[in-house]
Amino acid sequence: MAIQLSPMMESTDFTHSVSYQKELILKLQELLKKEIEGKAHSDRIEELSSAIESATEALNNLTQYFRES
């Protein structure tokens, strides 16, 4: 299962930012659950790392938007 997310528009729209962040978190939770249950393969580590990086980037963007508002 590859992580497939909707593309995030390059906008400062708060609603889109929150929706994208929620989607990332849900995908990350799904991967973590599979990893904990032992159903994930070793190649999931790279996917998990990528999901964490994406979630962190989205959170940073959301935080920056909040500070600028």
N, C-alpha and C. Protein backbone atom coordinates (compact mmCIF):
# COMPACT_ATOMS: atom_id res chain seq x y z
N MET A 1 0.84 -1.18 0.00
CA MET A 1 0.00 0.00 0.00
C MET A 1 0.88 1.24 0.00
N ALA A 2 0.82 2.00 -1.04
CA ALA A 2 1.56 3.24 -1.10
C ALA A 2 0.71 4.35 -0.50
N ILE A 3 1.38 5.31 0.08
CA ILE A 3 0.67 6.44 0.64
C ILE A 3 0.26 7.35 -0.51
N GLN A 4 -1.02 7.55 -0.67
CA GLN A 4 -1.52 8.44 -1.71
C GLN A 4 -2.39 9.49 -1.06
N LEU A 5 -1.96 10.72 -1.20
CA LEU A 5 -2.68 11.83 -0.61
C LEU A 5 -3.15 12.78 -1.69
N SER A 6 -4.21 13.47 -1.41
CA SER A 6 -4.66 14.50 -2.33
C SER A 6 -3.61 15.59 -2.38
N PRO A 7 -3.36 16.14 -3.56
CA PRO A 7 -2.37 17.22 -3.63
C PRO A 7 -2.85 18.45 -2.88
N MET A 8 -1.94 19.05 -2.15
CA MET A 8 -2.28 20.25 -1.38
C MET A 8 -2.07 21.47 -2.27
N MET A 9 -3.07 22.29 -2.36
CA MET A 9 -2.95 23.50 -3.15
C MET A 9 -1.99 24.45 -2.45
N GLU A 10 -1.26 25.19 -3.26
CA GLU A 10 -0.34 26.18 -2.72
C GLU A 10 -1.15 27.41 -2.32
N SER A 11 -1.87 27.32 -1.25
CA SER A 11 -2.65 28.45 -0.76
C SER A 11 -2.48 28.55 0.73
N THR A 12 -2.87 29.67 1.24
CA THR A 12 -2.79 29.85 2.68
C THR A 12 -4.15 29.64 3.32
N ASP A 13 -5.03 28.99 2.61
CA ASP A 13 -6.37 28.74 3.12
C ASP A 13 -6.32 27.80 4.31
N PHE A 14 -6.77 28.27 5.43
CA PHE A 14 -6.70 27.54 6.68
C PHE A 14 -7.45 26.22 6.61
N THR A 15 -8.62 26.22 6.00
CA THR A 15 -9.43 25.00 5.91
C THR A 15 -8.72 23.91 5.13
N HIS A 16 -8.11 24.27 4.00
CA HIS A 16 -7.36 23.28 3.22
C HIS A 16 -6.18 22.75 4.02
N SER A 17 -5.51 23.63 4.74
CA SER A 17 -4.36 23.21 5.54
C SER A 17 -4.77 22.21 6.61
N VAL A 18 -5.86 22.49 7.28
CA VAL A 18 -6.34 21.59 8.33
C VAL A 18 -6.79 20.26 7.74
N SER A 19 -7.49 20.29 6.62
CA SER A 19 -7.94 19.05 5.98
C SER A 19 -6.77 18.19 5.54
N TYR A 20 -5.75 18.82 4.97
CA TYR A 20 -4.58 18.09 4.52
C TYR A 20 -3.85 17.48 5.71
N GLN A 21 -3.72 18.25 6.78
CA GLN A 21 -3.05 17.75 7.98
C GLN A 21 -3.81 16.55 8.55
N LYS A 22 -5.13 16.63 8.58
CA LYS A 22 -5.94 15.53 9.08
C LYS A 22 -5.74 14.28 8.23
N GLU A 23 -5.69 14.45 6.91
CA GLU A 23 -5.49 13.31 6.01
C GLU A 23 -4.13 12.66 6.26
N LEU A 24 -3.10 13.47 6.44
CA LEU A 24 -1.77 12.93 6.73
C LEU A 24 -1.76 12.15 8.03
N ILE A 25 -2.39 12.69 9.04
CA ILE A 25 -2.42 12.03 10.34
C ILE A 25 -3.16 10.69 10.25
N LEU A 26 -4.26 10.64 9.52
CA LEU A 26 -5.00 9.39 9.37
C LEU A 26 -4.18 8.34 8.65
N LYS A 27 -3.45 8.73 7.60
CA LYS A 27 -2.59 7.79 6.89
C LYS A 27 -1.47 7.29 7.80
N LEU A 28 -0.91 8.19 8.58
CA LEU A 28 0.16 7.83 9.50
C LEU A 28 -0.36 6.87 10.57
N GLN A 29 -1.54 7.13 11.10
CA GLN A 29 -2.13 6.23 12.09
C GLN A 29 -2.34 4.84 11.50
N GLU A 30 -2.80 4.77 10.26
CA GLU A 30 -3.02 3.49 9.60
C GLU A 30 -1.71 2.71 9.48
N LEU A 31 -0.65 3.39 9.06
CA LEU A 31 0.64 2.72 8.94
C LEU A 31 1.17 2.28 10.30
N LEU A 32 1.05 3.13 11.29
CA LEU A 32 1.52 2.77 12.63
C LEU A 32 0.77 1.57 13.19
N LYS A 33 -0.53 1.53 12.99
CA LYS A 33 -1.33 0.41 13.47
C LYS A 33 -0.86 -0.90 12.83
N LYS A 34 -0.64 -0.88 11.52
CA LYS A 34 -0.17 -2.08 10.83
C LYS A 34 1.22 -2.48 11.31
N GLU A 35 2.07 -1.50 11.54
CA GLU A 35 3.42 -1.79 12.02
C GLU A 35 3.36 -2.43 13.40
N ILE A 36 2.53 -1.89 14.27
CA ILE A 36 2.40 -2.42 15.63
C ILE A 36 1.82 -3.83 15.61
N GLU A 37 0.86 -4.07 14.73
CA GLU A 37 0.25 -5.40 14.63
C GLU A 37 1.14 -6.40 13.91
N GLY A 38 2.26 -5.94 13.41
CA GLY A 38 3.20 -6.83 12.74
C GLY A 38 2.79 -7.20 11.33
N LYS A 39 1.85 -6.47 10.76
CA LYS A 39 1.38 -6.78 9.41
C LYS A 39 2.16 -6.03 8.34
N ALA A 40 2.95 -5.09 8.74
CA ALA A 40 3.69 -4.29 7.77
C ALA A 40 5.00 -4.98 7.43
N HIS A 41 5.47 -4.77 6.24
CA HIS A 41 6.74 -5.33 5.81
C HIS A 41 7.86 -4.33 6.08
N SER A 42 9.09 -4.78 5.96
CA SER A 42 10.23 -3.92 6.26
C SER A 42 10.28 -2.68 5.37
N ASP A 43 9.71 -2.76 4.17
CA ASP A 43 9.71 -1.58 3.29
C ASP A 43 8.77 -0.50 3.80
N ARG A 44 7.98 -0.81 4.79
CA ARG A 44 7.07 0.17 5.39
C ARG A 44 7.84 1.23 6.18
N ILE A 45 9.03 0.89 6.63
CA ILE A 45 9.81 1.84 7.41
C ILE A 45 10.05 3.11 6.59
N GLU A 46 10.41 2.95 5.32
CA GLU A 46 10.63 4.12 4.46
C GLU A 46 9.33 4.90 4.26
N GLU A 47 8.23 4.17 4.06
CA GLU A 47 6.93 4.81 3.91
C GLU A 47 6.55 5.57 5.18
N LEU A 48 6.78 4.93 6.31
CA LEU A 48 6.46 5.55 7.59
C LEU A 48 7.29 6.81 7.80
N SER A 49 8.56 6.74 7.48
CA SER A 49 9.44 7.90 7.59
C SER A 49 8.95 9.03 6.70
N SER A 50 8.56 8.70 5.49
CA SER A 50 8.05 9.70 4.55
C SER A 50 6.76 10.34 5.07
N ALA A 51 5.88 9.52 5.64
CA ALA A 51 4.63 10.04 6.18
C ALA A 51 4.89 10.98 7.35
N ILE A 52 5.85 10.62 8.19
CA ILE A 52 6.18 11.47 9.33
C ILE A 52 6.74 12.81 8.84
N GLU A 53 7.62 12.77 7.84
CA GLU A 53 8.18 14.00 7.29
C GLU A 53 7.09 14.87 6.68
N SER A 54 6.17 14.27 5.95
CA SER A 54 5.07 15.02 5.33
C SER A 54 4.16 15.64 6.37
N ALA A 55 3.84 14.87 7.40
CA ALA A 55 2.99 15.39 8.47
C ALA A 55 3.67 16.53 9.20
N THR A 56 4.97 16.41 9.42
CA THR A 56 5.73 17.47 10.08
C THR A 56 5.74 18.73 9.23
N GLU A 57 5.96 18.58 7.93
CA GLU A 57 5.97 19.73 7.03
C GLU A 57 4.61 20.42 7.01
N ALA A 58 3.54 19.63 6.93
CA ALA A 58 2.20 20.20 6.92
C ALA A 58 1.90 20.92 8.23
N LEU A 59 2.32 20.34 9.33
CA LEU A 59 2.11 20.98 10.62
C LEU A 59 2.88 22.28 10.72
N ASN A 60 4.12 22.30 10.21
CA ASN A 60 4.90 23.53 10.20
C ASN A 60 4.23 24.60 9.35
N ASN A 61 3.70 24.22 8.19
CA ASN A 61 2.99 25.17 7.34
C ASN A 61 1.76 25.73 8.03
N LEU A 62 1.03 24.86 8.70
CA LEU A 62 -0.16 25.28 9.43
C LEU A 62 0.20 26.22 10.57
N THR A 63 1.27 25.91 11.28
CA THR A 63 1.73 26.76 12.37
C THR A 63 2.15 28.13 11.85
N GLN A 64 2.86 28.16 10.73
CA GLN A 64 3.29 29.43 10.14
C GLN A 64 2.08 30.26 9.74
N TYR A 65 1.10 29.62 9.13
CA TYR A 65 -0.12 30.33 8.74
C TYR A 65 -0.80 30.93 9.97
N PHE A 66 -0.90 30.15 11.02
CA PHE A 66 -1.56 30.60 12.24
C PHE A 66 -0.83 31.81 12.82
N ARG A 67 0.50 31.78 12.81
CA ARG A 67 1.28 32.91 13.33
C ARG A 67 1.10 34.17 12.50
N GLU A 68 0.95 34.01 11.18
CA GLU A 68 0.81 35.16 10.28
C GLU A 68 -0.59 35.75 10.31
N SER A 69 -1.56 34.99 10.79
CA SER A 69 -2.96 35.46 10.81
C SER A 69 -3.25 36.36 11.97
